[in-house]
């Protein structure tokens, strides 16, 4: 059940959207299915009420999401002359997640944040935020309903992608009866659930298979297997002709190890920097740990970046173990 504050903010958001003509929608860098699906779904809906929509993302859309409706319209910069009446962020816990794109947000008359992260830095005028909601696509669905916009098959494809990817095919603890209720409504449009599910969970390119396999050969554990981690380097991606997006699911795969309660997946995203994906089960809060490194996310799903040093990797693994032993986490300086 949504809070009174959420319901009040929903009314304000509806009013702002109805009064605005030129609207920018933006999702975070290194976009995932939740960010892209919710952004495209909202944009397609707002076009039904004759709004001028611009889609922005700091990074290019990963190839696995390129077939989504209007994905080819996503740009990395705002190149229109007319001013922006309203800027809406989707799945962004901070303005820092919109490098470059943040400029147009600062020029916009109003900003609406649509998000479900537990750890976040407020930056807009209105927050449609619900940490108990499994995916941002669900919040978008409620917003479209409040705007009396009928969801068609294209919108449903985007919002189902959001739900399927963010919940790891409905396996996360955040999934609840509302998640299934909304997805059931989306299926009523005739959208092909099996096709969407296969596209994101049952089909991998050869580089993705090879990189995933390589990450498995490097699995290490601590605390009797309760902490599991692995690492990939730039040379691995170059040698196997792979991309960062090919290994997005690896952190979830690592957590499937019998006995594992926390997983960490390190990958060299840029020279001398490691992108870290953290996952947990059983109520262990890896989101807080990620915030101590300037990252963030949810209790059970989070990410951050650290310098590529053995000491840095070892420190983060030790801190993850501290969460299990109820030892206080030392904040990273």
Protein backbone atom coordinates (compact mmCIF):
# COMPACT_ATOMS: atom_id res chain seq x y z
CA UNK A 1 0.00 0.00 0.00
CA UNK A 2 1.33 3.41 -0.98
CA UNK A 3 1.88 6.08 1.67
CA UNK A 4 -0.23 9.21 2.02
CA UNK A 5 2.77 11.25 0.84
CA UNK A 6 3.09 9.15 -2.33
CA UNK A 7 -0.59 9.59 -3.14
CA UNK A 8 -0.36 13.35 -2.64
CA UNK A 9 2.76 13.56 -4.80
CA UNK A 10 1.03 11.47 -7.46
CA UNK A 11 -1.68 14.11 -7.74
CA UNK A 12 0.93 16.88 -8.00
CA UNK A 13 2.85 14.92 -10.68
CA UNK A 14 -0.34 14.41 -12.70
CA UNK A 15 -1.07 18.15 -12.55
CA UNK A 16 2.48 19.08 -13.62
CA UNK A 17 2.39 16.66 -16.55
CA UNK A 18 -0.97 17.93 -17.76
CA UNK A 19 0.29 21.53 -17.66
CA UNK A 20 3.57 20.72 -19.46
CA UNK A 21 4.17 20.36 -23.19
CA UNK A 22 7.91 19.79 -23.68
CA UNK A 23 8.92 16.94 -21.37
CA UNK A 24 12.32 15.27 -21.00
CA UNK A 25 12.54 11.73 -19.66
CA UNK A 26 15.92 10.42 -18.52
CA UNK A 27 17.28 7.23 -16.99
CA UNK A 28 20.60 6.56 -15.30
CA UNK A 29 24.01 5.75 -16.78
CA UNK A 30 24.76 2.05 -17.40
CA UNK A 31 21.01 1.59 -17.92
CA UNK A 32 19.29 -1.69 -17.07
CA UNK A 33 15.91 -3.05 -18.08
CA UNK A 34 14.07 -1.31 -15.26
CA UNK A 35 15.46 2.11 -16.16
CA UNK A 36 14.97 1.76 -19.92
CA UNK A 37 11.65 -0.05 -19.80
CA UNK A 38 10.06 2.39 -17.37
CA UNK A 39 11.35 5.42 -19.29
CA UNK A 40 10.12 4.21 -22.68
CA UNK A 41 6.81 3.01 -21.26
CA UNK A 42 6.12 6.39 -19.67
CA UNK A 43 7.14 8.28 -22.81
CA UNK A 44 4.92 6.19 -25.08
CA UNK A 45 2.05 6.82 -22.70
CA UNK A 46 2.57 10.57 -22.50
CA UNK A 47 2.64 10.79 -26.30
CA UNK A 48 -0.94 9.53 -26.25
CA UNK A 49 -1.97 12.81 -24.60
CA UNK A 50 -0.01 14.84 -27.17
CA UNK A 51 3.09 15.62 -25.10
CA UNK A 52 6.39 16.41 -26.83
CA UNK A 53 8.77 13.78 -25.43
CA UNK A 54 12.56 13.60 -25.50
CA UNK A 55 14.31 10.45 -24.23
CA UNK A 56 17.77 10.87 -22.69
CA UNK A 57 20.38 8.58 -21.16
CA UNK A 58 24.06 9.32 -20.42
CA UNK A 59 25.06 6.03 -22.10
CA UNK A 60 23.90 4.25 -25.23
CA UNK A 61 21.17 1.67 -24.81
CA UNK A 62 22.58 -1.88 -24.43
CA UNK A 63 21.91 -4.04 -27.49
CA UNK A 64 19.70 -6.45 -25.54
CA UNK A 65 17.16 -3.62 -25.07
CA UNK A 66 17.50 -2.06 -28.52
CA UNK A 67 14.35 -3.76 -29.86
CA UNK A 68 12.08 -2.12 -27.28
CA UNK A 69 9.56 0.33 -28.78
CA UNK A 70 11.16 3.79 -29.31
CA UNK A 71 14.57 2.64 -28.02
CA UNK A 72 16.09 4.11 -31.18
CA UNK A 73 14.91 7.57 -30.06
CA UNK A 74 17.08 7.65 -26.92
CA UNK A 75 19.78 10.32 -27.13
CA UNK A 76 22.78 11.23 -24.97
CA UNK A 77 22.22 15.00 -25.15
CA UNK A 78 19.35 17.45 -25.46
CA UNK A 79 19.67 19.12 -28.86
CA UNK A 80 16.40 21.04 -29.14
CA UNK A 81 16.06 24.81 -29.04
CA UNK A 82 12.79 24.98 -27.11
CA UNK A 83 12.87 25.16 -23.30
CA UNK A 84 11.92 22.19 -21.11
CA UNK A 85 8.71 22.48 -19.12
CA UNK A 86 9.27 19.31 -17.13
CA UNK A 87 12.12 16.84 -16.62
CA UNK A 88 11.36 13.39 -15.23
CA UNK A 89 14.05 11.02 -13.96
CA UNK A 90 13.41 7.29 -13.83
CA UNK A 91 15.26 4.83 -11.59
CA UNK A 92 17.75 7.51 -10.50
CA UNK A 93 18.84 7.68 -6.87
CA UNK A 94 20.90 10.81 -7.42
CA UNK A 95 21.52 13.52 -9.98
CA UNK A 96 25.06 12.13 -10.16
CA UNK A 97 23.62 9.20 -12.10
CA UNK A 98 22.81 11.58 -14.96
CA UNK A 99 26.24 12.93 -15.98
CA UNK A 100 25.88 15.34 -18.87
CA UNK A 101 22.12 14.90 -18.93
CA UNK A 102 21.86 16.68 -15.58
CA UNK A 103 22.40 20.01 -17.35
CA UNK A 104 18.97 19.96 -18.94
CA UNK A 105 17.42 19.02 -15.58
CA UNK A 106 18.91 22.13 -14.03
CA UNK A 107 17.35 24.20 -16.84
CA UNK A 108 13.92 22.60 -16.55
CA UNK A 109 11.04 24.47 -14.94
CA UNK A 110 10.17 21.44 -12.78
CA UNK A 111 11.63 18.03 -11.94
CA UNK A 112 9.81 14.83 -11.00
CA UNK A 113 11.72 11.84 -9.60
CA UNK A 114 10.25 8.38 -10.16
CA UNK A 115 12.24 5.81 -8.24
CA UNK A 116 12.24 2.93 -5.76
CA UNK A 117 15.75 3.04 -4.30
CA UNK A 118 16.15 2.86 -0.55
CA UNK A 119 19.32 4.97 -0.52
CA UNK A 120 18.98 8.16 -2.52
CA UNK A 121 19.71 11.89 -2.66
CA UNK A 122 16.60 13.95 -3.42
CA UNK A 123 17.06 16.45 -6.24
CA UNK A 124 13.63 17.16 -7.75
CA UNK A 125 10.51 19.15 -6.94
CA UNK A 126 8.26 16.09 -6.66
CA UNK A 127 9.21 12.55 -5.58
CA UNK A 128 7.19 9.56 -6.75
CA UNK A 129 9.30 7.19 -4.69
CA UNK A 130 8.27 3.86 -3.20
CA UNK A 131 11.04 1.68 -1.79
CA UNK A 132 8.57 -1.18 -1.29
CA UNK A 133 7.80 -1.35 -5.02
CA UNK A 134 9.61 -4.08 -6.93
CA UNK A 135 10.24 -2.09 -10.12
CA UNK A 136 9.96 1.49 -11.36
CA UNK A 137 7.71 0.17 -14.14
CA UNK A 138 5.04 -0.48 -11.52
CA UNK A 139 5.12 3.15 -10.42
CA UNK A 140 4.89 4.26 -14.05
CA UNK A 141 1.83 2.02 -14.49
CA UNK A 142 0.12 3.77 -11.56
CA UNK A 143 1.05 7.18 -12.95
CA UNK A 144 -0.40 6.33 -16.36
CA UNK A 145 -3.58 5.10 -14.68
CA UNK A 146 -3.85 8.37 -12.73
CA UNK A 147 -3.51 10.23 -16.04
CA UNK A 148 -6.29 8.08 -17.56
CA UNK A 149 -3.90 6.81 -20.23
CA UNK A 150 -4.73 3.37 -21.58
CA UNK A 151 -1.79 0.98 -21.69
CA UNK A 152 -1.38 -0.61 -25.11
CA UNK A 153 0.82 -3.51 -26.21
CA UNK A 154 3.93 -1.39 -26.81
CA UNK A 155 3.73 0.26 -23.41
CA UNK A 156 3.08 -3.14 -21.83
CA UNK A 157 6.21 -4.58 -23.46
CA UNK A 158 8.31 -1.83 -21.90
CA UNK A 159 6.77 -2.08 -18.43
CA UNK A 160 6.93 -5.89 -18.42
CA UNK A 161 10.61 -5.64 -19.33
CA UNK A 162 11.06 -3.35 -16.34
CA UNK A 163 9.37 -5.83 -14.01
CA UNK A 164 11.01 -8.99 -15.36
CA UNK A 165 14.55 -7.62 -15.35
CA UNK A 166 14.39 -5.77 -12.03
CA UNK A 167 12.91 -8.72 -10.17
CA UNK A 168 15.22 -11.29 -11.83
CA UNK A 169 12.17 -12.93 -13.34
CA UNK A 170 10.06 -12.46 -10.18
CA UNK A 171 12.57 -14.07 -7.81
CA UNK A 172 13.41 -11.10 -5.54
CA UNK A 173 12.00 -10.51 -2.07
CA UNK A 174 10.44 -7.18 -3.16
CA UNK A 175 7.93 -8.96 -5.41
CA UNK A 176 4.42 -8.85 -3.95
CA UNK A 177 0.77 -9.25 -4.93
CA UNK A 178 0.72 -5.78 -6.52
CA UNK A 179 3.57 -6.77 -8.84
CA UNK A 180 1.59 -9.73 -10.17
CA UNK A 181 -1.64 -7.72 -10.31
CA UNK A 182 -0.04 -5.09 -12.54
CA UNK A 183 1.70 -7.68 -14.71
CA UNK A 184 -1.63 -9.48 -15.18
CA UNK A 185 -3.13 -6.22 -16.43
CA UNK A 186 -0.21 -5.75 -18.82
CA UNK A 187 -0.73 -9.26 -20.20
CA UNK A 188 -4.33 -8.37 -21.02
CA UNK A 189 -2.97 -6.13 -23.81
CA UNK A 190 -1.84 -9.25 -25.68
CA UNK A 191 1.88 -8.65 -25.13
CA UNK A 192 3.99 -11.80 -25.56
CA UNK A 193 5.35 -12.58 -22.08
CA UNK A 194 7.27 -15.66 -23.21
CA UNK A 195 9.10 -13.70 -25.90
CA UNK A 196 10.13 -10.99 -23.45
CA UNK A 197 11.21 -13.49 -20.81
CA UNK A 198 13.26 -15.49 -23.32
CA UNK A 199 14.91 -12.35 -24.68
CA UNK A 200 16.29 -11.33 -21.29
CA UNK A 201 16.74 -14.61 -19.42
CA UNK A 202 17.01 -17.54 -21.82
CA UNK A 203 19.16 -16.15 -24.60
CA UNK A 204 22.84 -15.15 -24.34
CA UNK A 205 25.39 -14.23 -26.98
CA UNK A 206 28.57 -16.30 -27.26
CA UNK A 207 30.72 -13.54 -25.65
CA UNK A 208 28.24 -13.38 -22.76
CA UNK A 209 28.44 -17.14 -22.28
CA UNK A 210 32.25 -17.12 -22.38
CA UNK A 211 32.59 -14.18 -19.97
CA UNK A 212 30.06 -15.70 -17.59
CA UNK A 213 31.91 -18.99 -17.69
CA UNK A 214 35.22 -17.25 -17.05
CA UNK A 215 33.78 -15.43 -14.05
CA UNK A 216 32.64 -18.79 -12.65
CA UNK A 217 36.16 -20.22 -12.91
CA UNK A 218 37.36 -17.35 -10.70
CA UNK A 219 34.83 -17.81 -7.90
CA UNK A 220 36.24 -17.43 -4.41
CA UNK A 221 34.51 -17.65 -1.06
CA UNK A 222 34.86 -16.52 2.55
CA UNK A 223 33.14 -17.25 5.86
CA UNK A 224 32.48 -20.88 4.97
CA UNK A 225 30.95 -19.97 1.62
CA UNK A 226 28.59 -17.29 2.91
CA UNK A 227 30.43 -14.60 0.90
CA UNK A 228 31.07 -15.33 -2.79
CA UNK A 229 32.90 -13.15 -5.28
CA UNK A 230 34.55 -13.09 -8.69
CA UNK A 231 36.33 -10.59 -10.94
CA UNK A 232 36.83 -9.79 -14.64
CA UNK A 233 39.39 -7.43 -16.15
CA UNK A 234 39.50 -5.25 -19.25
CA UNK A 235 41.71 -7.72 -21.04
CA UNK A 236 39.04 -10.40 -20.52
CA UNK A 237 36.44 -8.29 -22.30
CA UNK A 238 38.87 -7.47 -25.12
CA UNK A 239 40.01 -11.06 -25.59
CA UNK A 240 36.48 -12.48 -25.66
CA UNK A 241 35.03 -9.51 -27.62
CA UNK A 242 32.51 -8.84 -24.89
CA UNK A 243 30.82 -5.80 -23.38
CA UNK A 244 29.89 -4.78 -19.85
CA UNK A 245 26.22 -5.53 -20.48
CA UNK A 246 27.08 -9.16 -21.21
CA UNK A 247 27.86 -9.82 -17.55
CA UNK A 248 25.12 -7.83 -15.83
CA UNK A 249 23.44 -11.01 -14.47
CA UNK A 250 26.64 -12.52 -13.02
CA UNK A 251 26.20 -11.07 -9.51
CA UNK A 252 22.80 -12.76 -9.31
CA UNK A 253 24.30 -16.01 -10.61
CA UNK A 254 26.98 -15.93 -7.91
CA UNK A 255 24.35 -15.60 -5.21
CA UNK A 256 22.84 -18.91 -6.37
CA UNK A 257 25.88 -20.70 -4.93
CA UNK A 258 24.66 -23.03 -2.18
CA UNK A 259 25.17 -21.39 1.21
CA UNK A 260 25.91 -17.93 -0.20
CA UNK A 261 24.30 -14.95 1.53
CA UNK A 262 26.29 -12.14 -0.10
CA UNK A 263 27.85 -11.97 -3.57
CA UNK A 264 30.22 -9.39 -5.04
CA UNK A 265 31.09 -9.18 -8.70
CA UNK A 266 34.02 -6.94 -9.64
CA UNK A 267 34.56 -5.89 -13.25
CA UNK A 268 36.99 -3.42 -14.71
CA UNK A 269 34.73 -0.89 -16.42
CA UNK A 270 37.44 1.69 -17.06
CA UNK A 271 41.16 1.92 -16.54
CA UNK A 272 42.10 1.30 -12.90
CA UNK A 273 38.47 1.38 -11.70
CA UNK A 274 36.26 -1.55 -10.77
CA UNK A 275 32.50 -1.53 -11.01
CA UNK A 276 31.11 -3.65 -8.17
CA UNK A 277 27.68 -5.33 -8.13
CA UNK A 278 26.52 -6.48 -4.68
CA UNK A 279 23.68 -8.91 -3.97
CA UNK A 280 22.35 -10.43 -0.75
CA UNK A 281 19.57 -12.51 0.74
CA UNK A 282 18.09 -12.94 4.20
CA UNK A 283 17.73 -9.22 4.92
CA UNK A 284 21.45 -8.40 4.74
CA UNK A 285 21.79 -4.73 3.79
CA UNK A 286 24.44 -4.39 1.08
CA UNK A 287 22.88 -1.12 -0.02
CA UNK A 288 24.31 0.71 2.97
CA UNK A 289 27.75 -0.71 2.28
CA UNK A 290 27.56 0.54 -1.32
CA UNK A 291 26.71 4.07 -0.13
CA UNK A 292 29.95 4.22 1.85
CA UNK A 293 31.74 4.07 -1.52
CA UNK A 294 29.54 6.65 -3.21
CA UNK A 295 27.20 4.06 -4.70
CA UNK A 296 23.74 2.94 -3.67
CA UNK A 297 20.74 0.82 -4.46
CA UNK A 298 18.49 -1.37 -2.38
CA UNK A 299 18.96 -3.56 0.68
CA UNK A 300 19.60 -6.65 -1.44
CA UNK A 301 20.76 -5.15 -4.75
CA UNK A 302 23.37 -2.41 -4.94
CA UNK A 303 26.44 -1.19 -6.79
CA UNK A 304 29.45 1.07 -6.41
CA UNK A 305 32.90 1.75 -7.88
CA UNK A 306 36.31 1.30 -6.29
CA UNK A 307 39.90 1.73 -7.40
CA UNK A 308 41.47 -1.38 -8.92
CA UNK A 309 43.80 -2.40 -6.11
CA UNK A 310 44.09 -5.67 -4.24
CA UNK A 311 43.77 -3.76 -0.99
CA UNK A 312 40.54 -2.14 -2.14
CA UNK A 313 39.01 -5.45 -3.22
CA UNK A 314 40.07 -7.17 -0.01
CA UNK A 315 38.66 -4.33 2.10
CA UNK A 316 35.26 -4.47 0.44
CA UNK A 317 35.06 -8.26 0.77
CA UNK A 318 35.97 -7.96 4.46
CA UNK A 319 33.28 -5.32 4.97
CA UNK A 320 30.73 -7.56 3.25
CA UNK A 321 31.70 -10.31 5.67
CA UNK A 322 31.25 -7.88 8.55
CA UNK A 323 27.59 -7.53 7.59
CA UNK A 324 27.15 -11.24 8.23
CA UNK A 325 28.98 -11.26 11.53
CA UNK A 326 27.12 -8.15 12.68
CA UNK A 327 30.40 -6.25 12.91
CA UNK A 328 30.11 -2.52 12.27
CA UNK A 329 30.93 -1.41 8.74
CA UNK A 330 33.83 1.03 8.58
CA UNK A 331 32.99 3.93 6.28
CA UNK A 332 35.31 4.31 3.30
CA UNK A 333 37.31 7.52 3.32
